[in-house]
Protein backbone atom coordinates (compact mmCIF):
# COMPACT_ATOMS: atom_id res chain seq x y z
CA MET A 1 1.17 40.46 -45.14
CA LYS A 2 0.07 38.43 -48.34
CA SER A 3 2.81 37.69 -50.59
CA ALA A 4 3.32 37.82 -54.45
CA HIS A 5 6.21 35.28 -54.75
CA THR A 6 4.29 32.55 -52.35
CA GLY A 7 0.44 33.32 -52.96
CA GLN A 8 0.69 32.54 -49.14
CA THR A 9 -0.30 34.92 -46.29
CA HIS A 10 2.69 34.91 -43.72
CA GLU A 11 3.35 37.21 -40.49
CA LEU A 12 6.57 38.85 -39.52
CA ILE A 13 7.54 39.24 -35.98
CA ILE A 14 9.25 42.10 -35.01
CA VAL A 15 11.45 42.74 -32.37
CA TYR A 16 13.11 46.06 -31.80
CA PRO A 17 16.45 46.67 -29.80
CA ASP A 18 16.42 49.59 -26.94
CA SER A 19 17.59 52.26 -28.14
CA TYR A 20 15.55 52.04 -31.63
CA TRP A 21 13.33 54.69 -31.14
CA LYS A 22 15.80 56.93 -29.93
CA ASN A 23 18.10 56.97 -33.01
CA PRO A 24 15.42 57.34 -35.68
CA ASP A 25 18.10 58.12 -38.50
CA LYS A 26 20.43 54.97 -37.05
CA LYS A 27 20.45 51.44 -39.60
CA TYR A 28 20.36 48.34 -37.35
CA PRO A 29 21.90 44.82 -38.40
CA VAL A 30 18.67 42.46 -39.09
CA LEU A 31 18.29 39.18 -37.94
CA TYR A 32 15.66 37.27 -39.83
CA PHE A 33 14.85 33.69 -38.54
CA THR A 34 12.64 30.89 -39.74
CA ASP A 35 10.25 29.47 -37.29
CA GLY A 36 8.95 32.60 -35.64
CA TYR A 37 6.02 31.78 -33.76
CA TRP A 38 8.16 29.06 -31.56
CA ASP A 39 11.28 30.84 -31.53
CA THR A 40 11.13 34.34 -30.94
CA PRO A 41 10.78 34.31 -26.93
CA LEU A 42 14.13 32.43 -26.80
CA LEU A 43 15.94 34.31 -29.18
CA ALA A 44 14.93 37.46 -27.51
CA GLY A 45 16.09 36.37 -24.22
CA ALA A 46 19.69 35.18 -26.05
CA TYR A 47 19.64 38.87 -27.70
CA GLY A 48 19.63 40.56 -24.47
CA ASN A 49 22.47 38.58 -22.85
CA LEU A 50 24.58 38.80 -25.79
CA VAL A 51 24.20 42.67 -26.03
CA TYR A 52 24.68 42.92 -21.99
CA ASP A 53 28.14 41.51 -22.32
CA LYS A 54 29.25 43.27 -25.43
CA MET A 55 29.33 40.25 -27.50
CA ALA A 56 27.14 41.53 -30.11
CA PRO A 57 25.58 44.51 -31.50
CA GLU A 58 21.92 46.26 -31.06
CA PHE A 59 20.17 44.50 -33.95
CA ILE A 60 16.80 44.55 -35.19
CA MET A 61 14.91 40.60 -34.66
CA VAL A 62 12.61 39.38 -37.78
CA GLY A 63 10.89 36.49 -36.97
CA LEU A 64 9.15 34.94 -39.92
CA SER A 65 5.89 33.42 -39.10
CA TYR A 66 2.06 32.46 -40.23
CA PRO A 67 -1.02 33.50 -38.98
CA ASP A 68 -3.22 31.98 -36.26
CA GLY A 69 -4.69 28.53 -37.05
CA THR A 70 -2.60 27.71 -39.98
CA ASP A 71 -1.10 24.30 -39.92
CA TYR A 72 2.83 24.81 -38.94
CA GLY A 73 3.87 21.75 -39.78
CA SER A 74 2.95 21.87 -43.60
CA ALA A 75 3.76 25.43 -43.80
CA ARG A 76 7.36 24.84 -42.84
CA VAL A 77 8.02 21.69 -44.80
CA ARG A 78 6.57 23.86 -48.28
CA ASP A 79 8.48 26.92 -47.34
CA TYR A 80 11.62 25.58 -46.20
CA THR A 81 12.42 23.15 -48.53
CA TYR A 82 13.75 23.98 -52.05
CA THR A 83 13.19 19.87 -53.69
CA SER A 84 10.32 18.21 -53.22
CA MET A 85 9.26 14.90 -52.47
CA LEU A 86 6.65 12.31 -53.90
CA MET A 87 5.97 11.01 -50.41
CA VAL A 88 5.99 14.79 -48.98
CA PRO A 89 2.78 16.81 -50.41
CA GLY A 90 3.39 20.33 -50.59
CA SER A 91 7.09 20.27 -50.10
CA GLY A 92 9.41 22.47 -52.33
CA LYS A 93 8.57 25.92 -52.70
CA GLY A 94 11.52 26.86 -51.01
CA ASP A 95 12.03 29.06 -53.38
CA GLN A 96 9.38 31.08 -53.61
CA PHE A 97 9.86 31.62 -50.05
CA LEU A 98 13.32 33.05 -50.19
CA ASP A 99 12.26 35.46 -53.17
CA PHE A 100 9.39 36.33 -50.59
CA LEU A 101 12.01 37.27 -47.85
CA GLU A 102 14.51 38.91 -49.88
CA LYS A 103 12.55 40.56 -52.54
CA GLU A 104 9.48 41.38 -50.03
CA VAL A 105 10.43 41.22 -46.50
CA ALA A 106 13.90 42.73 -46.27
CA PRO A 107 12.96 45.57 -48.39
CA LEU A 108 10.29 46.73 -46.15
CA ILE A 109 12.84 46.03 -43.49
CA GLU A 110 15.50 48.13 -44.69
CA SER A 111 12.85 51.22 -46.20
CA LYS A 112 10.54 51.47 -42.78
CA TYR A 113 12.48 50.13 -39.83
CA HIS A 114 15.88 51.19 -40.37
CA GLY A 115 17.33 47.87 -41.30
CA ASP A 116 20.96 47.62 -42.68
CA LYS A 117 21.06 46.53 -46.05
CA ASP A 118 24.53 45.50 -45.31
CA ASN A 119 23.90 43.71 -42.24
CA ARG A 120 22.28 40.79 -42.52
CA THR A 121 21.86 37.36 -41.30
CA LEU A 122 19.77 34.53 -42.19
CA ALA A 123 19.17 31.74 -38.92
CA GLY A 124 17.45 28.43 -38.89
CA ALA A 125 17.21 25.04 -37.03
CA SER A 126 16.41 21.76 -38.41
CA LEU A 127 14.28 22.44 -42.05
CA GLY A 128 14.96 26.12 -41.28
CA GLY A 129 18.34 25.13 -40.55
CA LEU A 130 18.29 23.51 -44.62
CA PHE A 131 16.60 26.29 -45.98
CA THR A 132 18.84 28.92 -44.07
CA LEU A 133 22.34 26.86 -45.91
CA GLY A 134 20.33 26.70 -49.39
CA ALA A 135 20.00 30.42 -49.53
CA ALA A 136 23.95 30.43 -49.33
CA MET A 137 24.02 28.23 -52.08
CA LYS A 138 21.09 30.34 -54.02
CA THR A 139 22.05 33.92 -53.16
CA PRO A 140 25.50 33.95 -51.50
CA ASP A 141 25.88 37.68 -51.82
CA PHE A 142 22.59 38.47 -49.78
CA PHE A 143 23.46 37.76 -46.56
CA THR A 144 26.44 38.42 -44.80
CA GLY A 145 25.68 35.91 -41.87
CA TYR A 146 24.06 32.40 -41.83
CA ILE A 147 23.38 30.20 -38.77
CA ALA A 148 22.49 27.06 -39.11
CA LEU A 149 21.64 25.00 -36.41
CA SER A 150 21.06 20.88 -36.61
CA PRO A 151 20.24 21.48 -40.38
CA ALA A 152 18.13 19.02 -42.51
CA VAL A 153 20.99 18.32 -44.97
CA PHE A 154 19.62 14.99 -45.56
CA TRP A 155 16.51 15.77 -47.21
CA ASP A 156 15.87 14.59 -50.75
CA GLY A 157 18.89 12.66 -50.81
CA GLY A 158 20.79 15.53 -49.65
CA ALA A 159 19.73 17.57 -52.29
CA VAL A 160 21.46 20.68 -50.56
CA PHE A 161 24.95 18.91 -51.14
CA LYS A 162 24.38 19.50 -55.10
CA LEU A 163 23.92 22.82 -54.55
CA GLU A 164 26.71 23.60 -52.97
CA GLU A 165 28.82 21.72 -55.51
CA ALA A 166 27.48 24.40 -57.77
CA LEU A 167 28.01 27.23 -55.98
CA ALA A 168 31.91 26.27 -55.72
CA LYS A 169 32.31 25.71 -59.55
CA GLN A 170 30.19 29.32 -59.96
CA HIS A 171 31.03 31.34 -57.26
CA PRO A 172 34.02 30.60 -55.31
CA GLN A 173 33.84 33.13 -52.87
CA LEU A 174 31.47 33.65 -49.75
CA LYS A 175 31.59 36.60 -48.00
CA ALA A 176 29.96 35.89 -44.90
CA ARG A 177 30.46 33.94 -41.52
CA MET A 178 28.75 30.78 -41.40
CA PHE A 179 27.57 28.98 -38.12
CA ILE A 180 26.88 25.16 -38.20
CA ALA A 181 25.91 23.14 -34.88
CA VAL A 182 24.82 20.11 -34.06
CA GLY A 183 23.73 18.39 -30.90
CA SER A 184 25.73 15.07 -29.65
CA LEU A 185 22.93 13.42 -28.46
CA GLU A 186 20.99 14.06 -31.91
CA PRO A 187 19.69 10.89 -34.39
CA ALA A 188 22.65 9.39 -36.28
CA GLN A 189 21.07 10.62 -39.55
CA PHE A 190 21.36 14.41 -38.61
CA ARG A 191 24.82 14.42 -36.78
CA GLY A 192 26.90 12.18 -40.22
CA SER A 193 25.18 14.09 -42.75
CA ILE A 194 26.21 17.38 -41.25
CA GLU A 195 29.35 16.42 -40.83
CA GLN A 196 29.47 15.59 -44.36
CA PHE A 197 28.20 18.84 -45.31
CA GLU A 198 30.55 20.73 -43.46
CA LYS A 199 33.43 18.82 -44.53
CA GLN A 200 32.43 19.35 -48.02
CA LEU A 201 31.72 23.15 -47.66
CA ALA A 202 35.23 22.82 -45.96
CA SER A 203 37.16 21.84 -48.67
CA HIS A 204 36.32 24.47 -51.48
CA GLN A 205 37.81 26.73 -49.25
CA TYR A 206 35.58 29.69 -50.46
CA LYS A 207 37.51 32.86 -50.50
CA ASP A 208 36.22 35.08 -47.58
CA LEU A 209 34.02 32.57 -45.91
CA GLN A 210 34.71 32.32 -42.02
CA LEU A 211 33.28 29.01 -40.76
CA GLN A 212 32.62 27.71 -37.45
CA SER A 213 30.93 24.73 -36.84
CA TYR A 214 29.99 23.48 -32.79
CA THR A 215 29.02 20.55 -31.43
CA ILE A 216 26.87 21.04 -28.68
CA GLU A 217 27.23 18.66 -25.96
CA GLY A 218 24.70 16.27 -24.42
CA MET A 219 21.82 17.90 -26.14
CA GLY A 220 19.35 16.83 -28.91
CA HIS A 221 17.48 17.89 -31.67
CA GLY A 222 15.37 20.51 -29.62
CA THR A 223 17.47 21.04 -26.82
CA SER A 224 20.28 22.55 -28.51
CA LYS A 225 18.85 25.17 -30.10
CA ALA A 226 19.03 27.41 -26.94
CA GLU A 227 23.49 27.63 -26.81
CA GLY A 228 22.82 26.69 -30.36
CA TYR A 229 21.74 30.46 -31.27
CA MET A 230 23.84 31.94 -28.31
CA ARG A 231 26.77 31.03 -29.84
CA GLY A 232 26.13 31.80 -33.45
CA LEU A 233 24.79 34.98 -33.07
CA LYS A 234 27.82 36.08 -30.92
CA TRP A 235 30.18 34.16 -33.66
CA VAL A 236 28.25 36.21 -36.99
CA TRP A 237 28.31 39.73 -34.67
CA GLN A 238 31.19 39.91 -32.29
CA ASN A 239 33.90 42.00 -32.95
CA ARG A 240 32.41 43.21 -36.73
């Protein structure tokens, strides 16, 4: 779909729950996730196991992706960062991508595909995790769940820390469940900055925020995603 907000062409990978076609009037929770071209198979597998064990409800998955032939590396740097860096040309278009997600994608899913507007979760890893945390800071009332795996919070000198500080002053309530995880074998730049961000976030004691921080032992930047998404999805949706 061509976005009026980004000026780019995006693709959506939609995965339906098993009961979807039998319940035309039912509204389903929705998981929106970045890097759909990479992580859809991983999340689809996690979904089946979580639902089987009754650790999550049935939900619709919407992978945010790009057409074939897209330079994925450049596209994700452009769309998943909220501030630009001179040494990374094309970066810093996260606000436009967030508008695309909230003003174009979500309304489509909720009007045509039975998505529940009161039960939205956003998830992402690395730069996608940064985008996810930034969304919580910028539009804190839109999503009810956030899963940020190995978020690149050090981007642009830790610009997301400033976003969080501003949110704490203006919006002391954050009614959501948030899961942040990092692999124990990830580079120190990731582990240290994520720990610092978690401490800052927790220190502001947002009303109604349920925060879980988790270290995935023995795993690195890529290998931590499978367990991270499984635990994150369980955290945001179990017993809701």
